[in-house]
Amino acid sequence: MARDLAFLAHLNELLEPLGSISSKIMFGGHGIYCNGIIMGLVVDRAFYLKVDEQTKPLFAKVGCKPFVYETKTKTVEMSYWSVPDEAMESADQMLPWARLAYASAIRKAEPIPKRKSS
């Protein structure tokens, strides 16, 4: 548990220049949020960033891999990909990847319905 907290603290330091970073426990790991929008996952102390059709080729080009999990009947590939190893070393190296992920997350985010005025 303490190792997980240290890992999450490290991610927070790497991502902090991007915006307000938070995490929530989910799916046996953690969801990583920037400004309230999910943009990453932590599973088994591995960090994955959100991709879409625009950004997936950039991650693939440098050897990143998708997060996959097995069900009883199939293998499921999520729209979250690993980051280059060097990105885990400094915010300067993480931020270009995090910006791509945040942009992907914004494109995929569901609009929040407006409340009706009374």
N, C-alpha and C. Protein backbone atom coordinates (compact mmCIF):
# COMPACT_ATOMS: atom_id res chain seq x y z
N MET A 1 0.82 -1.20 0.00
CA MET A 1 0.00 0.00 0.00
C MET A 1 0.86 1.26 0.00
N ALA A 2 1.88 1.29 0.85
CA ALA A 2 2.76 2.47 0.91
C ALA A 2 3.47 2.65 -0.42
N ARG A 3 3.84 1.53 -1.07
CA ARG A 3 4.49 1.61 -2.38
C ARG A 3 3.55 2.22 -3.40
N ASP A 4 2.26 1.84 -3.34
CA ASP A 4 1.28 2.40 -4.26
C ASP A 4 1.14 3.90 -4.04
N LEU A 5 1.10 4.31 -2.78
CA LEU A 5 0.98 5.74 -2.47
C LEU A 5 2.21 6.50 -2.96
N ALA A 6 3.39 5.92 -2.81
CA ALA A 6 4.61 6.56 -3.29
C ALA A 6 4.59 6.68 -4.82
N PHE A 7 4.10 5.63 -5.50
CA PHE A 7 4.01 5.65 -6.95
C PHE A 7 3.02 6.73 -7.40
N LEU A 8 1.87 6.82 -6.75
CA LEU A 8 0.88 7.84 -7.08
C LEU A 8 1.42 9.24 -6.81
N ALA A 9 2.18 9.41 -5.73
CA ALA A 9 2.79 10.71 -5.43
C ALA A 9 3.79 11.09 -6.53
N HIS A 10 4.56 10.11 -6.99
CA HIS A 10 5.51 10.35 -8.08
C HIS A 10 4.77 10.79 -9.35
N LEU A 11 3.69 10.10 -9.69
CA LEU A 11 2.89 10.49 -10.86
C LEU A 11 2.33 11.90 -10.71
N ASN A 12 1.88 12.22 -9.51
CA ASN A 12 1.35 13.55 -9.26
C ASN A 12 2.42 14.62 -9.54
N GLU A 13 3.65 14.37 -9.11
CA GLU A 13 4.74 15.30 -9.38
C GLU A 13 5.00 15.44 -10.87
N LEU A 14 4.98 14.31 -11.59
CA LEU A 14 5.23 14.34 -13.03
C LEU A 14 4.13 15.08 -13.79
N LEU A 15 2.89 14.92 -13.34
CA LEU A 15 1.74 15.46 -14.07
C LEU A 15 1.28 16.83 -13.60
N GLU A 16 1.72 17.25 -12.44
CA GLU A 16 1.24 18.50 -11.83
C GLU A 16 1.29 19.72 -12.75
N PRO A 17 2.33 19.89 -13.57
CA PRO A 17 2.34 21.06 -14.46
C PRO A 17 1.18 21.09 -15.45
N LEU A 18 0.52 19.96 -15.66
CA LEU A 18 -0.59 19.88 -16.61
C LEU A 18 -1.88 20.46 -16.05
N GLY A 19 -2.06 20.37 -14.74
CA GLY A 19 -3.31 20.85 -14.13
C GLY A 19 -3.52 20.22 -12.78
N SER A 20 -4.76 20.25 -12.31
CA SER A 20 -5.11 19.67 -11.01
C SER A 20 -5.22 18.16 -11.15
N ILE A 21 -4.29 17.43 -10.51
CA ILE A 21 -4.21 15.98 -10.63
C ILE A 21 -4.82 15.31 -9.41
N SER A 22 -5.63 14.28 -9.65
CA SER A 22 -6.21 13.49 -8.57
C SER A 22 -6.29 12.04 -9.01
N SER A 23 -6.56 11.16 -8.05
CA SER A 23 -6.72 9.75 -8.39
C SER A 23 -7.88 9.16 -7.60
N LYS A 24 -8.47 8.12 -8.18
CA LYS A 24 -9.56 7.39 -7.53
C LYS A 24 -9.31 5.91 -7.72
N ILE A 25 -9.60 5.13 -6.68
CA ILE A 25 -9.48 3.68 -6.78
C ILE A 25 -10.56 3.16 -7.72
N MET A 26 -10.13 2.32 -8.67
CA MET A 26 -11.08 1.73 -9.61
C MET A 26 -10.46 0.52 -10.30
N PHE A 27 -11.26 -0.46 -10.63
CA PHE A 27 -10.84 -1.63 -11.41
C PHE A 27 -9.59 -2.31 -10.87
N GLY A 28 -9.41 -2.35 -9.59
CA GLY A 28 -8.22 -2.97 -9.03
C GLY A 28 -6.98 -2.11 -9.16
N GLY A 29 -7.14 -0.88 -9.58
CA GLY A 29 -6.03 0.06 -9.73
C GLY A 29 -6.50 1.45 -9.36
N HIS A 30 -6.02 2.43 -10.09
CA HIS A 30 -6.41 3.81 -9.86
C HIS A 30 -6.67 4.51 -11.18
N GLY A 31 -7.69 5.35 -11.20
CA GLY A 31 -7.90 6.26 -12.31
C GLY A 31 -7.16 7.55 -12.01
N ILE A 32 -6.48 8.10 -13.00
CA ILE A 32 -5.75 9.36 -12.84
C ILE A 32 -6.51 10.44 -13.59
N TYR A 33 -6.83 11.50 -12.88
CA TYR A 33 -7.65 12.58 -13.43
C TYR A 33 -6.85 13.88 -13.50
N CYS A 34 -7.12 14.64 -14.55
CA CYS A 34 -6.58 16.00 -14.66
C CYS A 34 -7.77 16.93 -14.84
N ASN A 35 -7.87 17.89 -13.94
CA ASN A 35 -8.99 18.84 -13.98
C ASN A 35 -10.34 18.11 -14.05
N GLY A 36 -10.43 16.98 -13.33
CA GLY A 36 -11.67 16.24 -13.23
C GLY A 36 -11.96 15.28 -14.38
N ILE A 37 -11.06 15.17 -15.35
CA ILE A 37 -11.27 14.29 -16.51
C ILE A 37 -10.28 13.14 -16.43
N ILE A 38 -10.77 11.91 -16.54
CA ILE A 38 -9.88 10.76 -16.46
C ILE A 38 -8.98 10.73 -17.70
N MET A 39 -7.68 10.61 -17.45
CA MET A 39 -6.71 10.61 -18.55
C MET A 39 -5.69 9.50 -18.42
N GLY A 40 -5.74 8.74 -17.32
CA GLY A 40 -4.77 7.68 -17.13
C GLY A 40 -5.25 6.61 -16.17
N LEU A 41 -4.53 5.49 -16.19
CA LEU A 41 -4.80 4.38 -15.29
C LEU A 41 -3.49 3.91 -14.68
N VAL A 42 -3.56 3.47 -13.44
CA VAL A 42 -2.45 2.78 -12.81
C VAL A 42 -2.95 1.38 -12.46
N VAL A 43 -2.27 0.38 -13.01
CA VAL A 43 -2.61 -1.01 -12.73
C VAL A 43 -1.31 -1.75 -12.48
N ASP A 44 -1.21 -2.41 -11.33
CA ASP A 44 0.01 -3.15 -10.98
C ASP A 44 1.26 -2.28 -11.12
N ARG A 45 1.19 -1.09 -10.60
CA ARG A 45 2.31 -0.14 -10.62
C ARG A 45 2.80 0.17 -12.03
N ALA A 46 1.93 0.06 -13.01
CA ALA A 46 2.24 0.48 -14.38
C ALA A 46 1.28 1.62 -14.72
N PHE A 47 1.78 2.62 -15.45
CA PHE A 47 0.99 3.80 -15.79
C PHE A 47 0.62 3.77 -17.26
N TYR A 48 -0.65 4.02 -17.54
CA TYR A 48 -1.18 4.03 -18.90
C TYR A 48 -1.90 5.35 -19.12
N LEU A 49 -1.72 5.92 -20.30
CA LEU A 49 -2.37 7.18 -20.66
C LEU A 49 -3.44 6.96 -21.72
N LYS A 50 -4.46 7.79 -21.69
CA LYS A 50 -5.57 7.73 -22.64
C LYS A 50 -5.07 8.01 -24.06
N VAL A 51 -5.53 7.20 -25.01
CA VAL A 51 -5.25 7.42 -26.42
C VAL A 51 -6.55 7.40 -27.20
N ASP A 52 -6.50 7.95 -28.40
CA ASP A 52 -7.61 7.84 -29.34
C ASP A 52 -7.00 7.62 -30.72
N GLU A 53 -7.80 7.65 -31.74
CA GLU A 53 -7.28 7.38 -33.09
C GLU A 53 -6.22 8.39 -33.52
N GLN A 54 -6.28 9.60 -33.02
CA GLN A 54 -5.28 10.62 -33.36
C GLN A 54 -3.94 10.38 -32.68
N THR A 55 -3.97 9.90 -31.45
CA THR A 55 -2.73 9.80 -30.66
C THR A 55 -2.15 8.39 -30.57
N LYS A 56 -2.96 7.37 -30.80
CA LYS A 56 -2.48 5.99 -30.69
C LYS A 56 -1.24 5.73 -31.56
N PRO A 57 -1.19 6.20 -32.81
CA PRO A 57 0.01 5.95 -33.62
C PRO A 57 1.29 6.54 -33.03
N LEU A 58 1.18 7.66 -32.33
CA LEU A 58 2.36 8.28 -31.71
C LEU A 58 2.91 7.40 -30.59
N PHE A 59 2.01 6.82 -29.80
CA PHE A 59 2.42 5.93 -28.72
C PHE A 59 3.01 4.64 -29.30
N ALA A 60 2.35 4.11 -30.33
CA ALA A 60 2.82 2.85 -30.94
C ALA A 60 4.21 3.04 -31.57
N LYS A 61 4.44 4.19 -32.17
CA LYS A 61 5.70 4.46 -32.87
C LYS A 61 6.91 4.35 -31.95
N VAL A 62 6.73 4.68 -30.67
CA VAL A 62 7.86 4.63 -29.73
C VAL A 62 7.85 3.36 -28.87
N GLY A 63 7.01 2.39 -29.23
CA GLY A 63 7.03 1.10 -28.56
C GLY A 63 6.12 0.95 -27.37
N CYS A 64 5.24 1.90 -27.13
CA CYS A 64 4.29 1.77 -26.03
C CYS A 64 3.28 0.67 -26.38
N LYS A 65 2.66 0.12 -25.35
CA LYS A 65 1.72 -1.01 -25.52
C LYS A 65 0.39 -0.69 -24.85
N PRO A 66 -0.70 -1.25 -25.39
CA PRO A 66 -2.01 -1.01 -24.78
C PRO A 66 -2.18 -1.80 -23.49
N PHE A 67 -3.05 -1.28 -22.62
CA PHE A 67 -3.47 -2.04 -21.45
C PHE A 67 -4.52 -3.03 -21.93
N VAL A 68 -4.32 -4.31 -21.64
CA VAL A 68 -5.27 -5.35 -22.02
C VAL A 68 -5.63 -6.16 -20.78
N TYR A 69 -6.82 -6.70 -20.80
CA TYR A 69 -7.22 -7.62 -19.74
C TYR A 69 -8.01 -8.76 -20.36
N GLU A 70 -8.06 -9.85 -19.64
CA GLU A 70 -8.73 -11.06 -20.11
C GLU A 70 -10.07 -11.23 -19.42
N THR A 71 -11.08 -11.60 -20.19
CA THR A 71 -12.34 -12.05 -19.62
C THR A 71 -12.37 -13.57 -19.82
N LYS A 72 -13.45 -14.19 -19.47
CA LYS A 72 -13.56 -15.64 -19.66
C LYS A 72 -13.56 -16.01 -21.15
N THR A 73 -13.99 -15.08 -21.98
CA THR A 73 -14.16 -15.41 -23.40
C THR A 73 -13.29 -14.63 -24.38
N LYS A 74 -12.64 -13.55 -23.91
CA LYS A 74 -11.88 -12.75 -24.87
C LYS A 74 -10.83 -11.88 -24.19
N THR A 75 -9.97 -11.31 -25.01
CA THR A 75 -8.98 -10.33 -24.57
C THR A 75 -9.51 -8.95 -24.96
N VAL A 76 -9.50 -8.02 -24.02
CA VAL A 76 -10.03 -6.69 -24.25
C VAL A 76 -8.87 -5.68 -24.22
N GLU A 77 -8.75 -4.91 -25.30
CA GLU A 77 -7.75 -3.83 -25.35
C GLU A 77 -8.42 -2.52 -25.00
N MET A 78 -7.89 -1.86 -23.98
CA MET A 78 -8.44 -0.58 -23.54
C MET A 78 -7.80 0.56 -24.34
N SER A 79 -8.37 1.73 -24.24
CA SER A 79 -7.84 2.90 -24.93
C SER A 79 -6.85 3.65 -24.04
N TYR A 80 -6.04 2.88 -23.30
CA TYR A 80 -4.98 3.41 -22.45
C TYR A 80 -3.70 2.66 -22.82
N TRP A 81 -2.62 3.42 -23.04
CA TRP A 81 -1.36 2.82 -23.47
C TRP A 81 -0.26 3.20 -22.49
N SER A 82 0.74 2.33 -22.40
CA SER A 82 1.90 2.59 -21.55
C SER A 82 2.63 3.85 -22.04
N VAL A 83 3.50 4.36 -21.20
CA VAL A 83 4.30 5.53 -21.56
C VAL A 83 5.75 5.08 -21.79
N PRO A 84 6.51 5.85 -22.56
CA PRO A 84 7.93 5.50 -22.70
C PRO A 84 8.61 5.51 -21.33
N ASP A 85 9.57 4.61 -21.13
CA ASP A 85 10.26 4.51 -19.84
C ASP A 85 10.81 5.84 -19.37
N GLU A 86 11.41 6.60 -20.29
CA GLU A 86 12.04 7.86 -19.89
C GLU A 86 11.01 8.90 -19.41
N ALA A 87 9.75 8.74 -19.81
CA ALA A 87 8.72 9.68 -19.36
C ALA A 87 8.47 9.58 -17.86
N MET A 88 8.81 8.44 -17.27
CA MET A 88 8.62 8.26 -15.83
C MET A 88 9.73 8.94 -15.03
N GLU A 89 10.73 9.48 -15.70
CA GLU A 89 11.88 10.07 -15.01
C GLU A 89 11.74 11.55 -14.69
N SER A 90 10.97 12.29 -15.50
CA SER A 90 10.86 13.73 -15.23
C SER A 90 9.59 14.29 -15.84
N ALA A 91 9.12 15.38 -15.26
CA ALA A 91 7.93 16.05 -15.79
C ALA A 91 8.18 16.53 -17.22
N ASP A 92 9.39 17.01 -17.51
CA ASP A 92 9.69 17.48 -18.86
C ASP A 92 9.50 16.39 -19.90
N GLN A 93 9.85 15.16 -19.53
CA GLN A 93 9.70 14.05 -20.47
C GLN A 93 8.28 13.47 -20.46
N MET A 94 7.57 13.62 -19.36
CA MET A 94 6.20 13.11 -19.26
C MET A 94 5.19 14.05 -19.92
N LEU A 95 5.40 15.35 -19.79
CA LEU A 95 4.37 16.30 -20.22
C LEU A 95 3.93 16.19 -21.67
N PRO A 96 4.82 15.97 -22.63
CA PRO A 96 4.30 15.83 -24.01
C PRO A 96 3.31 14.68 -24.14
N TRP A 97 3.59 13.56 -23.47
CA TRP A 97 2.69 12.41 -23.52
C TRP A 97 1.41 12.69 -22.75
N ALA A 98 1.54 13.32 -21.60
CA ALA A 98 0.37 13.65 -20.79
C ALA A 98 -0.54 14.64 -21.52
N ARG A 99 0.04 15.59 -22.24
CA ARG A 99 -0.78 16.54 -23.02
C ARG A 99 -1.57 15.82 -24.11
N LEU A 100 -0.91 14.85 -24.77
CA LEU A 100 -1.62 14.06 -25.78
C LEU A 100 -2.79 13.30 -25.15
N ALA A 101 -2.54 12.70 -23.98
CA ALA A 101 -3.57 11.94 -23.29
C ALA A 101 -4.72 12.84 -22.84
N TYR A 102 -4.38 14.00 -22.31
CA TYR A 102 -5.41 14.92 -21.84
C TYR A 102 -6.27 15.39 -23.02
N ALA A 103 -5.64 15.68 -24.15
CA ALA A 103 -6.38 16.08 -25.34
C ALA A 103 -7.31 14.95 -25.80
N SER A 104 -6.82 13.71 -25.76
CA SER A 104 -7.65 12.55 -26.11
C SER A 104 -8.83 12.43 -25.15
N ALA A 105 -8.55 12.61 -23.88
CA ALA A 105 -9.59 12.50 -22.85
C ALA A 105 -10.65 13.57 -23.04
N ILE A 106 -10.23 14.77 -23.38
CA ILE A 106 -11.20 15.85 -23.60
C ILE A 106 -12.07 15.53 -24.82
N ARG A 107 -11.45 15.01 -25.88
CA ARG A 107 -12.23 14.66 -27.07
C ARG A 107 -13.26 13.57 -26.77
N LYS A 108 -12.93 12.66 -25.84
CA LYS A 108 -13.83 11.55 -25.51
C LYS A 108 -14.79 11.87 -24.37
N ALA A 109 -14.55 12.93 -23.64
CA ALA A 109 -15.35 13.24 -22.46
C ALA A 109 -16.80 13.51 -22.85
N GLU A 110 -17.66 12.99 -22.04
CA GLU A 110 -19.08 13.25 -22.22
C GLU A 110 -19.38 14.66 -21.74
N PRO A 111 -20.13 15.42 -22.51
CA PRO A 111 -20.51 16.74 -22.02
C PRO A 111 -21.39 16.61 -20.77
N ILE A 112 -21.16 17.47 -19.81
CA ILE A 112 -21.96 17.46 -18.59
C ILE A 112 -23.26 18.19 -18.88
N PRO A 113 -24.40 17.51 -18.63
CA PRO A 113 -25.68 18.16 -18.92
C PRO A 113 -25.85 19.40 -18.05
N LYS A 114 -26.39 20.43 -18.67
CA LYS A 114 -26.65 21.68 -17.92
C LYS A 114 -27.90 21.51 -17.09
N ARG A 115 -27.84 22.05 -15.88
CA ARG A 115 -29.01 22.02 -15.00
C ARG A 115 -30.02 23.04 -15.49
N LYS A 116 -31.27 22.66 -15.36
CA LYS A 116 -32.34 23.60 -15.72
C LYS A 116 -32.44 24.65 -14.62
N SER A 117 -32.59 25.90 -15.03
CA SER A 117 -32.78 26.97 -14.05
C SER A 117 -34.18 26.89 -13.49
N SER A 118 -34.29 27.17 -12.19
CA SER A 118 -35.62 27.16 -11.59
C SER A 118 -36.23 28.53 -11.66
